C-alpha atoms as a PDB file:
ATOM      1  CA  UNK A   1       4.597  18.266  -4.292  1.00  0.00           C
ATOM      2  CA  UNK A   2       7.240  20.712  -5.440  1.00  0.00           C
ATOM      3  CA  UNK A   3      10.711  19.413  -6.157  1.00  0.00           C
ATOM      4  CA  UNK A   4      13.737  21.635  -6.440  1.00  0.00           C
ATOM      5  CA  UNK A   5      16.730  19.964  -8.082  1.00  0.00           C
ATOM      6  CA  UNK A   6      19.854  21.933  -7.303  1.00  0.00           C
ATOM      7  CA  UNK A   7      22.747  21.687  -9.737  1.00  0.00           C
ATOM      8  CA  UNK A   8      26.176  22.956  -8.864  1.00  0.00           C
ATOM      9  CA  UNK A   9      27.205  25.580 -11.477  1.00  0.00           C
ATOM     10  CA  UNK A  10      27.442  23.419 -14.621  1.00  0.00           C
ATOM     11  CA  UNK A  11      24.512  22.775 -16.959  1.00  0.00           C
ATOM     12  CA  UNK A  12      22.791  19.384 -17.015  1.00  0.00           C
ATOM     13  CA  UNK A  13      22.239  17.535 -20.255  1.00  0.00           C
ATOM     14  CA  UNK A  14      18.639  16.840 -21.278  1.00  0.00           C
ATOM     15  CA  UNK A  15      17.364  13.488 -19.989  1.00  0.00           C
ATOM     16  CA  UNK A  16      15.407  11.217 -22.336  1.00  0.00           C
ATOM     17  CA  UNK A  17      13.054   8.564 -20.912  1.00  0.00           C
ATOM     18  CA  UNK A  18      14.866   5.889 -22.946  1.00  0.00           C
ATOM     19  CA  UNK A  19      18.143   6.746 -21.161  1.00  0.00           C
ATOM     20  CA  UNK A  20      16.732   6.190 -17.676  1.00  0.00           C
ATOM     21  CA  UNK A  21      16.992   2.929 -15.751  1.00  0.00           C
ATOM     22  CA  UNK A  22      14.045   3.154 -13.391  1.00  0.00           C
ATOM     23  CA  UNK A  23      14.405   1.850  -9.838  1.00  0.00           C
ATOM     24  CA  UNK A  24      10.687   1.047  -9.708  1.00  0.00           C
ATOM     25  CA  UNK A  25       9.707  -1.233 -12.585  1.00  0.00           C
ATOM     26  CA  UNK A  26       5.998  -0.762 -11.811  1.00  0.00           C
ATOM     27  CA  UNK A  27       5.840   2.883 -12.952  1.00  0.00           C
ATOM     28  CA  UNK A  28       3.305   3.525 -15.695  1.00  0.00           C
ATOM     29  CA  UNK A  29       4.054   5.681 -18.742  1.00  0.00           C
ATOM     30  CA  UNK A  30       2.655   8.892 -17.216  1.00  0.00           C
ATOM     31  CA  UNK A  31       4.837   8.410 -14.132  1.00  0.00           C
ATOM     32  CA  UNK A  32       7.913   7.808 -16.292  1.00  0.00           C
ATOM     33  CA  UNK A  33       7.115  10.955 -18.273  1.00  0.00           C
ATOM     34  CA  UNK A  34       6.759  12.909 -15.009  1.00  0.00           C
ATOM     35  CA  UNK A  35      10.171  11.649 -13.853  1.00  0.00           C
ATOM     36  CA  UNK A  36      11.790  12.725 -17.121  1.00  0.00           C
ATOM     37  CA  UNK A  37       9.927  16.060 -17.039  1.00  0.00           C
ATOM     38  CA  UNK A  38      11.064  16.814 -13.469  1.00  0.00           C
ATOM     39  CA  UNK A  39      14.674  15.870 -14.163  1.00  0.00           C
ATOM     40  CA  UNK A  40      14.741  18.202 -17.179  1.00  0.00           C
ATOM     41  CA  UNK A  41      13.569  21.304 -15.313  1.00  0.00           C
ATOM     42  CA  UNK A  42      16.130  23.981 -14.507  1.00  0.00           C
ATOM     43  CA  UNK A  43      14.747  24.794 -11.085  1.00  0.00           C
ATOM     44  CA  UNK A  44      11.337  23.477 -10.056  1.00  0.00           C
ATOM     45  CA  UNK A  45       8.905  20.735 -11.022  1.00  0.00           C
ATOM     46  CA  UNK A  46       5.375  20.431  -9.646  1.00  0.00           C
ATOM     47  CA  UNK A  47       3.745  17.014  -9.413  1.00  0.00           C
ATOM     48  CA  UNK A  48      -0.012  17.187  -8.785  1.00  0.00           C
ATOM     49  CA  UNK A  49      -3.058  14.976  -9.085  1.00  0.00           C
ATOM     50  CA  UNK A  50      -5.888  13.413  -7.115  1.00  0.00           C
ATOM     51  CA  UNK A  51      -5.267  11.007  -4.230  1.00  0.00           C
ATOM     52  CA  UNK A  52      -4.155   7.516  -5.176  1.00  0.00           C
ATOM     53  CA  UNK A  53      -2.636   8.365  -8.554  1.00  0.00           C
ATOM     54  CA  UNK A  54       0.988   7.523  -7.682  1.00  0.00           C
ATOM     55  CA  UNK A  55       2.413  10.968  -6.966  1.00  0.00           C
ATOM     56  CA  UNK A  56       4.472   9.814  -3.988  1.00  0.00           C
ATOM     57  CA  UNK A  57       5.810   6.820  -5.931  1.00  0.00           C
ATOM     58  CA  UNK A  58       6.760   9.156  -8.776  1.00  0.00           C
ATOM     59  CA  UNK A  59       8.448  11.628  -6.447  1.00  0.00           C
ATOM     60  CA  UNK A  60      10.495   8.849  -4.824  1.00  0.00           C
ATOM     61  CA  UNK A  61      11.713   7.818  -8.299  1.00  0.00           C
ATOM     62  CA  UNK A  62      12.573  11.438  -9.154  1.00  0.00           C
ATOM     63  CA  UNK A  63      14.588  11.775  -5.943  1.00  0.00           C
ATOM     64  CA  UNK A  64      16.455   8.506  -6.569  1.00  0.00           C
ATOM     65  CA  UNK A  65      17.246   9.489 -10.164  1.00  0.00           C
ATOM     66  CA  UNK A  66      18.385  12.974  -9.119  1.00  0.00           C
ATOM     67  CA  UNK A  67      20.679  11.613  -6.414  1.00  0.00           C
ATOM     68  CA  UNK A  68      22.088   9.128  -8.945  1.00  0.00           C
ATOM     69  CA  UNK A  69      22.984  12.149 -11.128  1.00  0.00           C
ATOM     70  CA  UNK A  70      24.694  13.896  -8.206  1.00  0.00           C
ATOM     71  CA  UNK A  71      21.968  16.520  -7.766  1.00  0.00           C
ATOM     72  CA  UNK A  72      20.813  17.923  -4.465  1.00  0.00           C
ATOM     73  CA  UNK A  73      17.075  17.538  -3.876  1.00  0.00           C
ATOM     74  CA  UNK A  74      14.708  19.649  -1.798  1.00  0.00           C
ATOM     75  CA  UNK A  75      11.136  18.245  -1.851  1.00  0.00           C
ATOM     76  CA  UNK A  76       8.336  20.380  -0.393  1.00  0.00           C
ATOM     77  CA  UNK A  77       4.802  19.214   0.308  1.00  0.00           C
ATOM     78  CA  UNK A  78       1.657  20.574   1.896  1.00  0.00           C
ATOM     79  CA  UNK A  79      -1.456  18.823   3.138  1.00  0.00           C
ATOM     80  CA  UNK A  80      -4.763  19.649   1.537  1.00  0.00           C
ATOM     81  CA  UNK A  81      -7.372  21.262   3.761  1.00  0.00           C
ATOM     82  CA  UNK A  82      -9.723  18.350   3.204  1.00  0.00           C
ATOM     83  CA  UNK A  83      -7.336  15.971   5.009  1.00  0.00           C
ATOM     84  CA  UNK A  84      -6.821  18.036   8.167  1.00  0.00           C
END
């Protein structure tokens, strides 16, 4: 999953995990770190991992957090060959 967070002209301030109020209270620490990581990227964040590791749940949280900050979000995904 590739996520492009589009900011209008002005710079965003760096987001710290401690500052975030997560919508999903079942996120584990690695998911929370991925959310913070994605929100702190200037252009693109890539979330990857094996099936069943919570990527989609993490991406939903990233999108919700980005919208909360007034960012525009453009998620892109592709299906692995093994699932076709």
